[in-house]
Amino acid sequence: MKTRLIYLFSITATLLITSCSEDDDANMDTQAPEISIADPVEEEEIAPGGEIHFDAIFTDNVELASFKLEVHNSFDDHTHASVKQSESENNPWSYNEVFEIEAGNTIHEAHMHIPVPAEINGQPISEGHYHFGVFVTDTAGNESQAFLELHIEGEEDHDDHEDEDHDHDH
């Protein structure tokens, strides 16, 4: 009986010591990080075989943990309906990478160059609209995300606006 009483007292004391207090709730991080993207810009055009120049600043009120960069095609405008693909949409490119942020940082400046392949498996990549996503997570698990639309298009897909015979009025 005495052993049971000591055991019960030990469990009760442990629960009281480790239980949540009002201070724990007040110190809980519920604020998501902030994302400020300088480059690329919305609707930026990137040539296959070129690169996406990425510059951004991430901030958090407590501590940053990681960020993820994601690029994927948006040929279906994300309706996920049945869409007939053209020949150029048969070889879309995607990119997905997670980067850890050094512990203790509340501000992180990200600068990198993401190569855009000209070909995948010997075939030209699909040109068109792509989504560029940035996800930032803090140590409490709060996440923010930002998306830009990019255009991956070859140089020959653009009109030559320096042509003197080109009529800009019509």
N, C-alpha and C. Protein backbone atom coordinates (compact mmCIF):
# COMPACT_ATOMS: atom_id res chain seq x y z
N MET A 1 0.82 -1.18 0.00
CA MET A 1 0.00 0.00 0.00
C MET A 1 0.87 1.25 0.00
N LYS A 2 1.93 1.21 0.82
CA LYS A 2 2.83 2.36 0.90
C LYS A 2 3.50 2.61 -0.46
N THR A 3 3.84 1.55 -1.19
CA THR A 3 4.46 1.66 -2.50
C THR A 3 3.51 2.33 -3.49
N ARG A 4 2.24 1.95 -3.42
CA ARG A 4 1.24 2.56 -4.30
C ARG A 4 1.09 4.05 -4.00
N LEU A 5 1.11 4.41 -2.75
CA LEU A 5 0.97 5.81 -2.36
C LEU A 5 2.16 6.64 -2.86
N ILE A 6 3.36 6.10 -2.74
CA ILE A 6 4.55 6.79 -3.23
C ILE A 6 4.48 6.92 -4.76
N TYR A 7 4.05 5.86 -5.42
CA TYR A 7 3.93 5.87 -6.88
C TYR A 7 2.90 6.91 -7.32
N LEU A 8 1.75 6.94 -6.68
CA LEU A 8 0.70 7.91 -7.01
C LEU A 8 1.17 9.33 -6.75
N PHE A 9 1.86 9.56 -5.65
CA PHE A 9 2.40 10.88 -5.33
C PHE A 9 3.42 11.32 -6.39
N SER A 10 4.28 10.40 -6.82
CA SER A 10 5.30 10.71 -7.83
C SER A 10 4.66 11.12 -9.16
N ILE A 11 3.65 10.40 -9.57
CA ILE A 11 2.96 10.72 -10.83
C ILE A 11 2.27 12.08 -10.72
N THR A 12 1.60 12.33 -9.61
CA THR A 12 0.90 13.61 -9.42
C THR A 12 1.89 14.76 -9.41
N ALA A 13 3.00 14.61 -8.74
CA ALA A 13 4.02 15.67 -8.68
C ALA A 13 4.61 15.93 -10.06
N THR A 14 4.87 14.87 -10.80
CA THR A 14 5.41 15.02 -12.15
C THR A 14 4.43 15.77 -13.05
N LEU A 15 3.18 15.41 -12.99
CA LEU A 15 2.16 16.08 -13.80
C LEU A 15 2.04 17.56 -13.43
N LEU A 16 2.08 17.87 -12.17
CA LEU A 16 1.98 19.27 -11.74
C LEU A 16 3.18 20.10 -12.19
N ILE A 17 4.35 19.51 -12.12
CA ILE A 17 5.57 20.23 -12.49
C ILE A 17 5.63 20.46 -14.00
N THR A 18 5.23 19.47 -14.79
CA THR A 18 5.36 19.57 -16.24
C THR A 18 4.10 20.09 -16.94
N SER A 19 3.05 20.34 -16.20
CA SER A 19 1.82 20.80 -16.85
C SER A 19 1.99 22.21 -17.41
N CYS A 20 1.16 22.53 -18.38
CA CYS A 20 1.22 23.85 -19.02
C CYS A 20 0.74 24.92 -18.05
N SER A 21 1.39 26.03 -18.13
CA SER A 21 0.95 27.18 -17.33
C SER A 21 0.49 28.27 -18.28
N GLU A 22 -0.08 29.34 -17.74
CA GLU A 22 -0.51 30.46 -18.56
C GLU A 22 0.68 31.11 -19.26
N ASP A 23 1.86 31.07 -18.63
CA ASP A 23 3.06 31.65 -19.23
C ASP A 23 3.43 30.93 -20.52
N ASP A 24 3.22 29.59 -20.56
CA ASP A 24 3.55 28.82 -21.75
C ASP A 24 2.72 29.30 -22.94
N ASP A 25 1.44 29.56 -22.73
CA ASP A 25 0.57 30.03 -23.80
C ASP A 25 0.99 31.42 -24.27
N ALA A 26 1.42 32.27 -23.37
CA ALA A 26 1.82 33.63 -23.72
C ALA A 26 3.10 33.64 -24.55
N ASN A 27 3.98 32.65 -24.34
CA ASN A 27 5.25 32.60 -25.06
C ASN A 27 5.18 31.78 -26.35
N MET A 28 4.03 31.25 -26.67
CA MET A 28 3.88 30.41 -27.85
C MET A 28 3.98 31.26 -29.12
N ASP A 29 4.81 30.81 -30.07
CA ASP A 29 5.01 31.54 -31.33
C ASP A 29 3.90 31.15 -32.31
N THR A 30 3.04 32.09 -32.63
CA THR A 30 1.96 31.84 -33.58
C THR A 30 2.07 32.73 -34.82
N GLN A 31 3.10 33.54 -34.87
CA GLN A 31 3.28 34.47 -35.99
C GLN A 31 4.10 33.82 -37.09
N ALA A 32 3.57 33.83 -38.30
CA ALA A 32 4.27 33.25 -39.45
C ALA A 32 5.39 34.17 -39.92
N PRO A 33 6.41 33.61 -40.54
CA PRO A 33 7.50 34.43 -41.08
C PRO A 33 7.00 35.33 -42.21
N GLU A 34 7.80 36.33 -42.55
CA GLU A 34 7.47 37.23 -43.66
C GLU A 34 8.45 37.01 -44.80
N ILE A 35 7.96 37.17 -46.03
CA ILE A 35 8.75 36.95 -47.24
C ILE A 35 8.75 38.23 -48.06
N SER A 36 9.94 38.68 -48.45
CA SER A 36 10.07 39.83 -49.33
C SER A 36 10.95 39.42 -50.51
N ILE A 37 10.34 39.27 -51.69
CA ILE A 37 11.07 38.82 -52.88
C ILE A 37 11.45 40.01 -53.74
N ALA A 38 12.74 40.17 -53.99
CA ALA A 38 13.23 41.23 -54.87
C ALA A 38 13.35 40.73 -56.31
N ASP A 39 13.72 39.47 -56.47
CA ASP A 39 13.93 38.90 -57.79
C ASP A 39 13.68 37.41 -57.73
N PRO A 40 12.98 36.80 -58.65
CA PRO A 40 12.45 37.33 -59.89
C PRO A 40 11.21 38.17 -59.64
N VAL A 41 10.73 38.80 -60.69
CA VAL A 41 9.52 39.61 -60.60
C VAL A 41 8.38 38.89 -61.31
N GLU A 42 7.17 39.26 -60.97
CA GLU A 42 5.97 38.68 -61.59
C GLU A 42 6.04 38.80 -63.11
N GLU A 43 5.69 37.71 -63.79
CA GLU A 43 5.64 37.65 -65.26
C GLU A 43 7.02 37.74 -65.93
N GLU A 44 8.10 37.53 -65.16
CA GLU A 44 9.44 37.59 -65.75
C GLU A 44 9.61 36.46 -66.77
N GLU A 45 10.33 36.77 -67.84
CA GLU A 45 10.59 35.78 -68.89
C GLU A 45 12.00 35.22 -68.72
N ILE A 46 12.07 33.90 -68.75
CA ILE A 46 13.33 33.17 -68.60
C ILE A 46 13.49 32.28 -69.83
N ALA A 47 14.66 32.28 -70.43
CA ALA A 47 14.92 31.43 -71.59
C ALA A 47 15.33 30.03 -71.14
N PRO A 48 14.88 28.98 -71.84
CA PRO A 48 15.39 27.64 -71.55
C PRO A 48 16.91 27.66 -71.68
N GLY A 49 17.59 27.03 -70.74
CA GLY A 49 19.04 27.07 -70.72
C GLY A 49 19.57 28.25 -69.93
N GLY A 50 18.69 29.14 -69.49
CA GLY A 50 19.08 30.30 -68.69
C GLY A 50 19.01 29.97 -67.21
N GLU A 51 18.74 30.98 -66.40
CA GLU A 51 18.65 30.76 -64.96
C GLU A 51 17.66 31.74 -64.34
N ILE A 52 17.10 31.31 -63.22
CA ILE A 52 16.24 32.17 -62.42
C ILE A 52 17.12 32.78 -61.34
N HIS A 53 17.20 34.10 -61.32
CA HIS A 53 17.97 34.80 -60.30
C HIS A 53 17.02 35.03 -59.13
N PHE A 54 17.38 34.51 -57.94
CA PHE A 54 16.51 34.61 -56.77
C PHE A 54 17.18 35.43 -55.68
N ASP A 55 16.52 36.51 -55.27
CA ASP A 55 16.94 37.35 -54.15
C ASP A 55 15.73 37.61 -53.28
N ALA A 56 15.85 37.30 -51.99
CA ALA A 56 14.73 37.52 -51.07
C ALA A 56 15.26 37.70 -49.66
N ILE A 57 14.42 38.30 -48.82
CA ILE A 57 14.71 38.44 -47.39
C ILE A 57 13.56 37.81 -46.63
N PHE A 58 13.90 36.94 -45.68
CA PHE A 58 12.91 36.30 -44.82
C PHE A 58 13.12 36.83 -43.41
N THR A 59 12.03 37.11 -42.71
CA THR A 59 12.12 37.58 -41.32
C THR A 59 11.11 36.82 -40.46
N ASP A 60 11.43 36.68 -39.18
CA ASP A 60 10.53 36.06 -38.22
C ASP A 60 10.72 36.72 -36.87
N ASN A 61 9.67 36.73 -36.08
CA ASN A 61 9.74 37.36 -34.76
C ASN A 61 10.53 36.54 -33.74
N VAL A 62 10.68 35.22 -33.96
CA VAL A 62 11.40 34.38 -33.00
C VAL A 62 12.63 33.73 -33.64
N GLU A 63 12.42 32.81 -34.60
CA GLU A 63 13.56 32.14 -35.24
C GLU A 63 13.11 31.44 -36.52
N LEU A 64 13.86 31.64 -37.58
CA LEU A 64 13.61 30.98 -38.86
C LEU A 64 14.18 29.56 -38.83
N ALA A 65 13.57 28.66 -39.61
CA ALA A 65 14.06 27.28 -39.66
C ALA A 65 14.52 26.89 -41.06
N SER A 66 13.68 27.11 -42.08
CA SER A 66 14.04 26.67 -43.43
C SER A 66 13.20 27.40 -44.48
N PHE A 67 13.64 27.25 -45.74
CA PHE A 67 12.81 27.73 -46.84
C PHE A 67 12.88 26.73 -47.98
N LYS A 68 11.82 26.72 -48.78
CA LYS A 68 11.73 25.80 -49.91
C LYS A 68 11.42 26.62 -51.15
N LEU A 69 12.09 26.28 -52.25
CA LEU A 69 11.80 26.87 -53.55
C LEU A 69 11.20 25.78 -54.43
N GLU A 70 10.15 26.15 -55.14
CA GLU A 70 9.45 25.19 -55.98
C GLU A 70 9.07 25.86 -57.30
N VAL A 71 9.34 25.19 -58.39
CA VAL A 71 8.91 25.66 -59.71
C VAL A 71 8.17 24.51 -60.36
N HIS A 72 6.97 24.80 -60.87
CA HIS A 72 6.20 23.78 -61.58
C HIS A 72 5.36 24.46 -62.66
N ASN A 73 4.98 23.69 -63.67
CA ASN A 73 4.22 24.28 -64.76
C ASN A 73 2.81 24.62 -64.31
N SER A 74 2.22 25.59 -64.98
CA SER A 74 0.82 25.93 -64.71
C SER A 74 0.03 25.88 -66.01
N PHE A 75 0.35 24.88 -66.83
CA PHE A 75 -0.29 24.76 -68.14
C PHE A 75 -1.79 24.55 -68.03
N ASP A 76 -2.24 23.92 -66.95
CA ASP A 76 -3.68 23.67 -66.80
C ASP A 76 -4.36 24.72 -65.94
N ASP A 77 -3.65 25.79 -65.61
CA ASP A 77 -4.17 26.84 -64.73
C ASP A 77 -4.66 26.27 -63.40
N HIS A 78 -4.14 25.11 -63.04
CA HIS A 78 -4.45 24.42 -61.79
C HIS A 78 -5.93 24.13 -61.60
N THR A 79 -6.63 23.95 -62.71
CA THR A 79 -8.02 23.51 -62.60
C THR A 79 -8.06 22.00 -62.47
N HIS A 80 -7.00 21.35 -62.90
CA HIS A 80 -6.86 19.89 -62.90
C HIS A 80 -7.95 19.22 -63.72
N ALA A 81 -8.54 19.97 -64.64
CA ALA A 81 -9.50 19.40 -65.58
C ALA A 81 -8.73 18.71 -66.70
N SER A 82 -9.43 17.96 -67.49
CA SER A 82 -8.80 17.30 -68.62
C SER A 82 -8.49 18.34 -69.68
N VAL A 83 -7.21 18.53 -69.96
CA VAL A 83 -6.78 19.54 -70.91
C VAL A 83 -5.93 18.86 -71.97
N LYS A 84 -6.24 19.12 -73.23
CA LYS A 84 -5.44 18.57 -74.32
C LYS A 84 -4.13 19.33 -74.37
N GLN A 85 -3.01 18.62 -74.30
CA GLN A 85 -1.71 19.25 -74.30
C GLN A 85 -1.19 19.39 -75.72
N SER A 86 -0.51 20.49 -75.97
CA SER A 86 0.16 20.65 -77.25
C SER A 86 1.49 19.92 -77.19
N GLU A 87 2.16 19.83 -78.33
CA GLU A 87 3.46 19.15 -78.38
C GLU A 87 4.44 19.74 -77.38
N SER A 88 4.41 21.08 -77.21
CA SER A 88 5.39 21.73 -76.34
C SER A 88 5.11 21.51 -74.87
N GLU A 89 3.94 20.97 -74.53
CA GLU A 89 3.59 20.77 -73.12
C GLU A 89 3.89 19.35 -72.65
N ASN A 90 4.57 18.56 -73.47
CA ASN A 90 4.81 17.17 -73.12
C ASN A 90 6.05 16.96 -72.27
N ASN A 91 6.84 17.98 -72.03
CA ASN A 91 8.08 17.81 -71.29
C ASN A 91 8.28 18.96 -70.29
N PRO A 92 7.35 19.09 -69.32
CA PRO A 92 7.47 20.21 -68.37
C PRO A 92 8.65 20.01 -67.42
N TRP A 93 9.21 21.13 -66.98
CA TRP A 93 10.32 21.14 -66.02
C TRP A 93 9.76 21.45 -64.64
N SER A 94 10.37 20.88 -63.62
CA SER A 94 10.01 21.23 -62.24
C SER A 94 11.27 21.26 -61.39
N TYR A 95 11.18 22.01 -60.31
CA TYR A 95 12.31 22.18 -59.38
C TYR A 95 11.73 22.23 -57.98
N ASN A 96 12.37 21.56 -57.03
CA ASN A 96 11.89 21.56 -55.65
C ASN A 96 13.09 21.30 -54.74
N GLU A 97 13.43 22.27 -53.90
CA GLU A 97 14.57 22.09 -53.00
C GLU A 97 14.33 22.83 -51.69
N VAL A 98 14.71 22.18 -50.59
CA VAL A 98 14.58 22.76 -49.24
C VAL A 98 15.96 23.17 -48.76
N PHE A 99 16.04 24.35 -48.14
CA PHE A 99 17.29 24.89 -47.62
C PHE A 99 17.11 25.19 -46.13
N GLU A 100 18.01 24.65 -45.32
CA GLU A 100 17.98 24.92 -43.88
C GLU A 100 18.59 26.30 -43.62
N ILE A 101 18.05 27.00 -42.63
CA ILE A 101 18.57 28.31 -42.22
C ILE A 101 19.32 28.11 -40.90
N GLU A 102 20.48 28.70 -40.80
CA GLU A 102 21.31 28.55 -39.60
C GLU A 102 20.52 28.93 -38.35
N ALA A 103 20.65 28.12 -37.30
CA ALA A 103 19.91 28.32 -36.05
C ALA A 103 20.16 29.69 -35.46
N GLY A 104 19.12 30.25 -34.85
CA GLY A 104 19.23 31.52 -34.15
C GLY A 104 18.94 32.75 -34.99
N ASN A 105 18.70 32.57 -36.29
CA ASN A 105 18.46 33.72 -37.17
C ASN A 105 17.00 34.14 -37.21
N THR A 106 16.76 35.44 -37.11
CA THR A 106 15.42 35.99 -37.30
C THR A 106 15.33 36.69 -38.66
N ILE A 107 16.47 36.89 -39.31
CA ILE A 107 16.53 37.47 -40.65
C ILE A 107 17.46 36.61 -41.50
N HIS A 108 17.04 36.33 -42.72
CA HIS A 108 17.89 35.56 -43.64
C HIS A 108 17.78 36.15 -45.03
N GLU A 109 18.93 36.45 -45.63
CA GLU A 109 18.97 36.93 -47.01
C GLU A 109 19.33 35.76 -47.91
N ALA A 110 18.45 35.44 -48.84
CA ALA A 110 18.68 34.34 -49.77
C ALA A 110 19.08 34.90 -51.13
N HIS A 111 20.14 34.36 -51.69
CA HIS A 111 20.61 34.76 -53.02
C HIS A 111 21.10 33.51 -53.73
N MET A 112 20.50 33.21 -54.87
CA MET A 112 20.93 32.03 -55.61
C MET A 112 20.51 32.13 -57.07
N HIS A 113 21.11 31.27 -57.85
CA HIS A 113 20.80 31.17 -59.27
C HIS A 113 20.32 29.74 -59.53
N ILE A 114 19.12 29.61 -60.06
CA ILE A 114 18.54 28.30 -60.32
C ILE A 114 18.61 28.04 -61.82
N PRO A 115 19.42 27.08 -62.25
CA PRO A 115 19.53 26.81 -63.68
C PRO A 115 18.24 26.22 -64.25
N VAL A 116 17.83 26.74 -65.39
CA VAL A 116 16.66 26.22 -66.10
C VAL A 116 17.20 25.40 -67.27
N PRO A 117 16.94 24.11 -67.30
CA PRO A 117 17.50 23.29 -68.38
C PRO A 117 16.87 23.63 -69.73
N ALA A 118 17.63 23.46 -70.78
CA ALA A 118 17.09 23.63 -72.13
C ALA A 118 16.39 22.34 -72.56
N GLU A 119 16.89 21.22 -72.02
CA GLU A 119 16.34 19.91 -72.38
C GLU A 119 16.23 19.02 -71.15
N ILE A 120 15.30 18.09 -71.22
CA ILE A 120 15.18 17.01 -70.24
C ILE A 120 15.10 15.72 -71.04
N ASN A 121 15.99 14.79 -70.75
CA ASN A 121 16.04 13.50 -71.47
C ASN A 121 16.16 13.70 -72.98
N GLY A 122 16.95 14.69 -73.39
CA GLY A 122 17.19 14.92 -74.81
C GLY A 122 16.08 15.65 -75.55
N GLN A 123 15.03 16.02 -74.85
CA GLN A 123 13.90 16.73 -75.47
C GLN A 123 13.82 18.14 -74.90
N PRO A 124 13.47 19.13 -75.73
CA PRO A 124 13.33 20.50 -75.22
C PRO A 124 12.28 20.57 -74.11
N ILE A 125 12.53 21.39 -73.11
CA ILE A 125 11.53 21.52 -72.04
C ILE A 125 10.31 22.25 -72.59
N SER A 126 9.19 22.01 -71.96
CA SER A 126 7.96 22.69 -72.34
C SER A 126 8.05 24.15 -71.98
N GLU A 127 7.77 24.99 -72.94
CA GLU A 127 7.77 26.43 -72.69
C GLU A 127 6.37 26.86 -72.29
N GLY A 128 6.29 27.95 -71.56
CA GLY A 128 4.99 28.48 -71.16
C GLY A 128 5.02 29.03 -69.75
N HIS A 129 3.85 29.02 -69.12
CA HIS A 129 3.68 29.59 -67.78
C HIS A 129 4.11 28.59 -66.71
N TYR A 130 4.88 29.09 -65.76
CA TYR A 130 5.33 28.29 -64.62
C TYR A 130 5.07 29.07 -63.34
N HIS A 131 4.77 28.35 -62.27
CA HIS A 131 4.64 28.97 -60.95
C HIS A 131 5.97 28.84 -60.22
N PHE A 132 6.38 29.93 -59.57
CA PHE A 132 7.59 29.96 -58.74
C PHE A 132 7.10 30.16 -57.31
N GLY A 133 7.27 29.15 -56.47
CA GLY A 133 6.78 29.21 -55.09
C GLY A 133 7.91 29.29 -54.09
N VAL A 134 7.70 30.12 -53.06
CA VAL A 134 8.65 30.26 -51.95
C VAL A 134 7.88 29.97 -50.67
N PHE A 135 8.38 29.03 -49.88
CA PHE A 135 7.77 28.64 -48.62
C PHE A 135 8.80 28.86 -47.52
N VAL A 136 8.44 29.57 -46.46
CA VAL A 136 9.36 29.82 -45.35
C VAL A 136 8.70 29.33 -44.06
N THR A 137 9.47 28.56 -43.27
CA THR A 137 8.97 27.98 -42.03
C THR A 137 9.83 28.44 -40.87
N ASP A 138 9.18 28.75 -39.73
CA ASP A 138 9.95 29.10 -38.53
C ASP A 138 10.06 27.87 -37.63
N THR A 139 10.79 28.00 -36.53
CA THR A 139 11.04 26.84 -35.66
C THR A 139 9.79 26.34 -34.95
N ALA A 140 8.73 27.17 -34.89
CA ALA A 140 7.47 26.73 -34.28
C ALA A 140 6.58 26.02 -35.29
N GLY A 141 7.01 25.98 -36.56
CA GLY A 141 6.23 25.32 -37.59
C GLY A 141 5.29 26.24 -38.36
N ASN A 142 5.29 27.52 -38.05
CA ASN A 142 4.48 28.48 -38.80
C ASN A 142 5.08 28.64 -40.20
N GLU A 143 4.23 28.72 -41.22
CA GLU A 143 4.72 28.80 -42.59
C GLU A 143 4.04 29.93 -43.35
N SER A 144 4.83 30.60 -44.17
CA SER A 144 4.32 31.59 -45.13
C SER A 144 4.69 31.12 -46.51
N GLN A 145 3.91 31.55 -47.49
CA GLN A 145 4.22 31.20 -48.87
C GLN A 145 3.91 32.36 -49.79
N ALA A 146 4.67 32.42 -50.88
CA ALA A 146 4.47 33.46 -51.89
C ALA A 146 4.68 32.80 -53.25
N PHE A 147 3.88 33.22 -54.22
CA PHE A 147 3.98 32.67 -55.57
C PHE A 147 4.08 33.77 -56.61
N LEU A 148 4.87 33.50 -57.63
CA LEU A 148 4.99 34.37 -58.79
C LEU A 148 4.73 33.53 -60.03
N GLU A 149 4.27 34.18 -61.08
CA GLU A 149 4.13 33.51 -62.37
C GLU A 149 5.31 33.91 -63.22
N LEU A 150 5.99 32.90 -63.77
CA LEU A 150 7.12 33.13 -64.68
C LEU A 150 6.77 32.57 -66.05
N HIS A 151 7.44 33.07 -67.07
CA HIS A 151 7.28 32.56 -68.43
C HIS A 151 8.61 31.99 -68.88
N ILE A 152 8.64 30.72 -69.19
CA ILE A 152 9.85 30.13 -69.74
C ILE A 152 9.63 30.03 -71.24
N GLU A 153 10.36 30.86 -71.98
CA GLU A 153 10.19 30.96 -73.42
C GLU A 153 11.52 31.21 -74.08
N GLY A 154 11.71 30.61 -75.25
CA GLY A 154 12.93 30.81 -76.02
C GLY A 154 12.97 32.19 -76.64
N GLU A 155 14.18 32.64 -76.95
CA GLU A 155 14.38 33.97 -77.55
C GLU A 155 13.63 34.11 -78.86
N GLU A 156 13.53 33.02 -79.64
CA GLU A 156 12.88 33.11 -80.95
C GLU A 156 11.37 33.28 -80.83
N ASP A 157 10.81 33.13 -79.62
CA ASP A 157 9.37 33.28 -79.43
C ASP A 157 8.93 34.73 -79.32
N HIS A 158 9.87 35.66 -79.29
CA HIS A 158 9.53 37.07 -79.09
C HIS A 158 9.66 37.84 -80.38
N ASP A 159 8.81 38.86 -80.54
CA ASP A 159 8.91 39.75 -81.70
C ASP A 159 10.15 40.60 -81.57
N ASP A 160 10.76 40.93 -82.68
CA ASP A 160 11.92 41.82 -82.69
C ASP A 160 11.40 43.25 -82.77
N HIS A 161 11.36 43.93 -81.65
CA HIS A 161 10.81 45.28 -81.59
C HIS A 161 11.78 46.34 -82.09
N GLU A 162 12.99 45.96 -82.45
CA GLU A 162 13.95 46.92 -82.97
C GLU A 162 13.90 46.98 -84.49
N ASP A 163 13.05 46.17 -85.11
CA ASP A 163 12.92 46.15 -86.56
C ASP A 163 12.30 47.46 -87.03
N GLU A 164 12.99 48.18 -87.92
CA GLU A 164 12.52 49.48 -88.37
C GLU A 164 11.27 49.37 -89.22
N ASP A 165 11.02 48.22 -89.84
CA ASP A 165 9.84 48.05 -90.68
C ASP A 165 8.60 47.71 -89.86
N HIS A 166 8.76 47.51 -88.57
CA HIS A 166 7.65 47.14 -87.72
C HIS A 166 6.77 48.36 -87.46
N ASP A 167 5.48 48.24 -87.71
CA ASP A 167 4.54 49.35 -87.53
C ASP A 167 3.97 49.28 -86.12
N HIS A 168 4.37 50.20 -85.23
CA HIS A 168 3.92 50.21 -83.84
C HIS A 168 2.54 50.81 -83.68
N ASP A 169 2.02 51.49 -84.72
CA ASP A 169 0.72 52.15 -84.61
C ASP A 169 -0.43 51.20 -84.89
N HIS A 170 -0.17 50.05 -85.48
CA HIS A 170 -1.29 49.17 -85.86
C HIS A 170 -1.14 47.82 -85.26
